[in-house]
Each structure stands twice: as C-alpha cells, then as structure tokens.
Amino acid sequence: MALLPQVDTTAADTTQAAGAGAQSLLDILFQGGWVMIPILLLSFVAIYLLIERLITIRNAQSDPEVVTDRIRNYVRSGDVDGAISYCVQKDVPITRILKQGLERLGRPISEIQDAVQAAGKYETFELEKKTNMLASIAGVAPMLGFFGTVLGMIRAFQEIQNLQGNVNPSVLAGGIWEALVTTAGGLLVGILALLAYNFLLARIRRLTNDMERSATDFIDLLQEPVPPQS
C-alpha cells in the first residue's frame, strides 16, 4: 500500500512532462515573438506564388513538335489564315509566338525573325514573372529569423542585467531557445522558397527551350525553297 502514492506521483510527473513536451507548433511559433509574423506572411506568399506559377506553367505547356508540324502543313498548303486560326485557338506561348510571324508573312525574313524573337522574349518574361519574389523570400526570411534571434538575445541579457546576474539558468536557457525559434522559422521558409524557385526555373527553362526550338523551325520553314509547280 505504501507504494501506491509513489506510483501515483510518478504517473502525475510523467503526465506533466508529456503535457509540457506536447506543445503545439502554433504555441512554439508564437514564442518566437512578433518577428514570426512577417516570416509566416512570407511563407504564405511563397506558397501562393508556387501554386500560381505552377498553374501558369501547366496552362502554357504544349507539344512543340505537334504545333510545329501543324503550322508547317498549313504554310506548305498556302493556308496562312488557317495557321493563324489554329494559333488563336490553341493560345499557348508557342502558338502566340508563331502567330506574330505568320501575320508578317510576305515581309522581309529579318522583320519576321525580329517579331518572333520579340514575342519569345515577352512570353519568357510572362513565365518568369513573380518568380523573383520567391528568390527574394529565400533571402529575406533567414535574415528576419536572425534579426528575431538577435532581439531575443538582447532581451535575455537585459533580463540578466535587471536581475543583477541572479538568474536561474533554466530561465536563461528558455529565453534563448525561444529566440532561436525565429532563426529556425526563417531558415525553413528560406529553404523551401529557394527550392520552389529553382524548381519553377527549371520548368520555365524547359518551356523556353521548346519555344526557341519551335521559333527556329518556323524561320527555317520560311526559308525552304518553293517546290516547282507541276
């Protein structure tokens, strides 16, 4: 019977320890101070940019070989209007670029090539738009985290000064780990933003390469010798 109080006390201590260790992620983030607010906002912005750019890239995708073959068949048959209508109906970056060239058929090849290149630069800019914000978030978020940690350390040393050095080590350690929460949060957001930026950049470069290849094939098509009439 004498063991029962000891068992109960041990169980209570275990429960309290489990409760202390089971702090929610939200509680930990709040302990990082006000600097966690802009870090969290940056994380939401990064997620929005990633999703928005992924949707844009998905809508811009097409099979460059199929598009080029269709345009080639229209041009070789003399149906330029049909080729333009196909580009309008398809309405992806590749067809919008080729449409600029089709609308200038009959003009000097250099003028057509300049129009196609200008359209390609514009479409590339539209695909890369907003991705620089992800790169900025990847750099700013860790800096905000370090800034929050510095502020936390300043507060910790001010507490030491106010208490004239009579500080419980556990209190000091608690203040330090709370300050480090901002560094961890900033680094996490920065790493994820950098990964998202590089992932999007790779997808955009693949699309850009397809556009450049289709534009080159289109210019080569215009320079093909006209077959003799039978």
Protein backbone atom coordinates (compact mmCIF):
# COMPACT_ATOMS: atom_id res chain seq x y z
CA MET A 1 0.00 0.00 0.00
CA ALA A 2 2.88 2.35 0.65
CA LEU A 3 3.93 2.07 -2.95
CA LEU A 4 0.65 3.50 -4.27
CA PRO A 5 1.39 7.18 -3.50
CA GLN A 6 4.79 6.82 -5.12
CA VAL A 7 3.26 5.26 -8.23
CA ASP A 8 0.61 7.99 -8.38
CA THR A 9 3.26 10.68 -8.01
CA THR A 10 5.37 9.13 -10.76
CA ALA A 11 2.36 8.93 -13.07
CA ALA A 12 1.50 12.56 -12.39
CA ASP A 13 5.06 13.64 -13.14
CA THR A 14 5.01 11.65 -16.37
CA THR A 15 1.72 13.26 -17.38
CA GLN A 16 3.03 16.74 -16.67
CA ALA A 17 6.20 16.06 -18.66
CA ALA A 18 4.19 14.75 -21.57
CA GLY A 19 1.94 17.80 -21.43
CA ALA A 20 4.94 20.13 -21.36
CA GLY A 21 6.53 18.34 -24.32
CA ALA A 22 3.34 18.29 -26.33
CA GLN A 23 3.30 21.99 -27.11
CA SER A 24 1.59 22.69 -30.34
CA LEU A 25 3.54 24.05 -33.27
CA LEU A 26 1.45 27.21 -33.08
CA ASP A 27 2.47 27.77 -29.46
CA ILE A 28 6.15 27.41 -30.37
CA LEU A 29 5.78 29.87 -33.25
CA PHE A 30 4.12 32.43 -31.01
CA GLN A 31 7.01 32.17 -28.59
CA GLY A 32 9.29 33.48 -31.31
CA GLY A 33 7.87 36.98 -30.89
CA TRP A 34 6.49 39.47 -33.37
CA VAL A 35 9.21 38.69 -35.94
CA MET A 36 7.44 35.40 -36.61
CA ILE A 37 4.51 37.34 -38.08
CA PRO A 38 6.37 38.58 -41.20
CA ILE A 39 8.07 35.18 -41.52
CA LEU A 40 4.68 33.46 -41.56
CA LEU A 41 3.36 36.00 -44.04
CA LEU A 42 6.33 35.30 -46.30
CA SER A 43 5.59 31.59 -46.10
CA PHE A 44 2.01 32.16 -47.24
CA VAL A 45 3.20 34.38 -50.09
CA ALA A 46 5.72 31.72 -51.16
CA ILE A 47 3.02 29.04 -51.21
CA TYR A 48 0.71 31.28 -53.24
CA LEU A 49 3.46 32.10 -55.75
CA LEU A 50 4.39 28.44 -56.15
CA ILE A 51 0.81 27.36 -56.82
CA GLU A 52 0.07 30.30 -59.11
CA ARG A 53 3.21 29.76 -61.21
CA LEU A 54 2.62 26.00 -61.41
CA ILE A 55 -0.86 26.63 -62.80
CA THR A 56 0.53 29.16 -65.30
CA ILE A 57 3.25 26.75 -66.44
CA ARG A 58 0.78 23.88 -66.77
CA ASN A 59 -1.52 26.01 -68.92
CA ALA A 60 1.44 27.06 -71.08
CA GLN A 61 2.60 23.54 -71.83
CA SER A 62 2.12 22.01 -75.27
CA ASP A 63 3.82 19.55 -77.59
CA PRO A 64 6.20 21.69 -79.69
CA GLU A 65 6.57 19.03 -82.37
CA VAL A 66 2.82 18.72 -82.87
CA VAL A 67 2.39 22.50 -83.03
CA THR A 68 5.27 22.93 -85.48
CA ASP A 69 4.00 20.13 -87.72
CA ARG A 70 0.52 21.64 -87.85
CA ILE A 71 1.88 25.08 -88.73
CA ARG A 72 4.18 23.55 -91.35
CA ASN A 73 1.28 21.75 -93.01
CA TYR A 74 -0.80 24.93 -93.11
CA VAL A 75 2.02 27.02 -94.54
CA ARG A 76 3.06 24.48 -97.15
CA SER A 77 -0.54 24.23 -98.34
CA GLY A 78 -0.77 28.02 -98.56
CA ASP A 79 -3.44 28.26 -95.83
CA VAL A 80 -1.93 31.06 -93.75
CA ASP A 81 -5.31 32.08 -92.36
CA GLY A 82 -5.85 28.53 -91.18
CA ALA A 83 -2.48 28.58 -89.45
CA ILE A 84 -3.33 31.85 -87.70
CA SER A 85 -6.73 30.49 -86.65
CA TYR A 86 -5.03 27.40 -85.23
CA CYS A 87 -2.65 29.60 -83.21
CA VAL A 88 -5.55 31.67 -81.87
CA GLN A 89 -7.49 28.56 -80.91
CA LYS A 90 -4.51 26.83 -79.27
CA ASP A 91 -3.47 30.02 -77.39
CA VAL A 92 -0.27 28.87 -75.70
CA PRO A 93 3.08 30.69 -75.67
CA ILE A 94 4.45 28.75 -78.65
CA THR A 95 1.45 29.49 -80.86
CA ARG A 96 1.35 33.13 -79.78
CA ILE A 97 4.98 33.46 -80.86
CA LEU A 98 4.41 31.79 -84.22
CA LYS A 99 1.29 33.88 -84.79
CA GLN A 100 3.44 37.02 -84.76
CA GLY A 101 5.49 35.57 -87.58
CA LEU A 102 2.51 34.30 -89.56
CA GLU A 103 0.89 37.72 -89.51
CA ARG A 104 4.02 39.18 -91.15
CA LEU A 105 4.41 36.69 -93.98
CA GLY A 106 5.37 38.47 -97.18
CA ARG A 107 7.66 40.88 -95.37
CA PRO A 108 11.47 40.54 -95.23
CA ILE A 109 12.61 37.47 -93.31
CA SER A 110 14.64 39.65 -90.94
CA GLU A 111 11.49 41.52 -89.90
CA ILE A 112 9.64 38.27 -89.31
CA GLN A 113 12.55 36.91 -87.28
CA ASP A 114 12.69 40.06 -85.15
CA ALA A 115 8.95 39.84 -84.46
CA VAL A 116 9.24 36.18 -83.46
CA GLN A 117 12.20 36.89 -81.17
CA ALA A 118 10.42 39.84 -79.53
CA ALA A 119 7.34 37.69 -78.92
CA GLY A 120 9.55 34.96 -77.44
CA LYS A 121 11.17 37.41 -75.02
CA TYR A 122 7.76 38.65 -73.94
CA GLU A 123 6.42 35.14 -73.34
CA THR A 124 9.53 34.23 -71.37
CA PHE A 125 9.09 37.34 -69.24
CA GLU A 126 5.46 36.38 -68.56
CA LEU A 127 6.53 32.91 -67.45
CA GLU A 128 9.30 34.22 -65.19
CA LYS A 129 7.14 36.97 -63.73
CA LYS A 130 6.81 36.78 -59.92
CA THR A 131 9.48 34.09 -59.59
CA ASN A 132 11.97 36.75 -58.47
CA MET A 133 9.75 37.27 -55.44
CA LEU A 134 10.46 33.68 -54.41
CA ALA A 135 14.19 34.37 -54.67
CA SER A 136 13.71 37.47 -52.52
CA ILE A 137 11.78 35.49 -49.92
CA ALA A 138 14.57 32.89 -49.87
CA GLY A 139 16.99 35.65 -48.91
CA VAL A 140 14.82 37.80 -46.65
CA ALA A 141 13.23 35.08 -44.49
CA PRO A 142 16.51 33.81 -42.95
CA MET A 143 17.61 37.40 -42.31
CA LEU A 144 14.36 38.08 -40.48
CA GLY A 145 14.98 34.93 -38.46
CA PHE A 146 18.45 36.09 -37.42
CA PHE A 147 17.04 39.53 -36.62
CA GLY A 148 14.46 37.96 -34.31
CA THR A 149 17.15 35.91 -32.60
CA VAL A 150 19.29 38.98 -32.01
CA LEU A 151 16.31 40.77 -30.49
CA GLY A 152 15.65 37.77 -28.26
CA MET A 153 19.26 37.65 -27.08
CA ILE A 154 19.15 41.37 -26.33
CA ARG A 155 16.07 40.83 -24.18
CA ALA A 156 17.77 37.88 -22.42
CA PHE A 157 20.83 39.94 -21.50
CA GLN A 158 18.63 42.82 -20.40
CA GLU A 159 16.93 40.37 -18.03
CA ILE A 160 20.32 39.34 -16.68
CA GLN A 161 21.20 42.98 -16.11
CA ASN A 162 17.87 43.72 -14.42
CA LEU A 163 18.32 40.77 -12.07
CA GLN A 164 21.95 41.74 -11.41
CA GLY A 165 23.20 38.35 -12.54
CA ASN A 166 20.97 36.36 -10.18
CA VAL A 167 19.34 34.44 -13.00
CA ASN A 168 18.13 30.87 -12.95
CA PRO A 169 19.98 29.03 -15.76
CA SER A 170 16.76 27.36 -16.83
CA VAL A 171 15.09 30.74 -17.31
CA LEU A 172 18.02 31.97 -19.39
CA ALA A 173 18.05 28.80 -21.50
CA GLY A 174 14.32 29.11 -22.07
CA GLY A 175 14.70 32.64 -23.33
CA ILE A 176 17.49 31.62 -25.68
CA TRP A 177 15.62 28.72 -27.29
CA GLU A 178 12.59 30.89 -27.73
CA ALA A 179 14.79 33.42 -29.54
CA LEU A 180 16.18 30.67 -31.77
CA VAL A 181 12.67 29.79 -32.92
CA THR A 182 12.77 32.74 -35.29
CA THR A 183 16.04 31.52 -36.83
CA ALA A 184 14.60 28.06 -37.37
CA GLY A 185 11.41 29.51 -38.86
CA GLY A 186 13.27 31.90 -41.14
CA LEU A 187 15.65 29.21 -42.37
CA LEU A 188 12.79 26.80 -43.06
CA VAL A 189 10.85 29.35 -45.09
CA GLY A 190 14.01 30.43 -46.92
CA ILE A 191 14.99 26.87 -47.84
CA LEU A 192 11.52 25.99 -49.10
CA ALA A 193 11.31 29.23 -51.10
CA LEU A 194 14.70 28.57 -52.69
CA LEU A 195 13.69 25.02 -53.63
CA ALA A 196 10.44 26.30 -55.12
CA TYR A 197 12.31 28.98 -57.09
CA ASN A 198 14.78 26.52 -58.59
CA PHE A 199 12.01 24.05 -59.39
CA LEU A 200 9.97 26.68 -61.21
CA LEU A 201 13.05 28.00 -63.00
CA ALA A 202 13.82 24.53 -64.35
CA ARG A 203 10.27 24.13 -65.64
CA ILE A 204 10.36 27.58 -67.25
CA ARG A 205 13.70 26.90 -68.94
CA ARG A 206 12.26 23.72 -70.42
CA LEU A 207 9.33 25.67 -71.83
CA THR A 208 11.63 28.41 -73.10
CA ASN A 209 13.76 25.83 -74.88
CA ASP A 210 10.65 24.42 -76.59
CA MET A 211 9.62 27.92 -77.68
CA GLU A 212 13.06 28.69 -79.10
CA ARG A 213 13.15 25.41 -80.98
CA SER A 214 9.71 25.98 -82.48
CA ALA A 215 10.63 29.53 -83.48
CA THR A 216 13.81 28.30 -85.17
CA ASP A 217 11.90 25.60 -87.04
CA PHE A 218 9.38 28.20 -88.17
CA ILE A 219 12.07 30.52 -89.55
CA ASP A 220 13.72 27.57 -91.31
CA LEU A 221 10.35 26.68 -92.81
CA LEU A 222 10.01 30.13 -94.33
CA GLN A 223 13.44 29.80 -95.93
CA GLU A 224 12.71 26.47 -97.59
CA PRO A 225 12.86 26.62 -101.39
CA VAL A 226 9.45 26.72 -103.06
CA PRO A 227 8.81 23.39 -104.83
CA PRO A 228 8.40 23.70 -108.60
CA GLN A 229 4.86 23.76 -109.87
CA SER A 230 3.92 20.72 -111.93
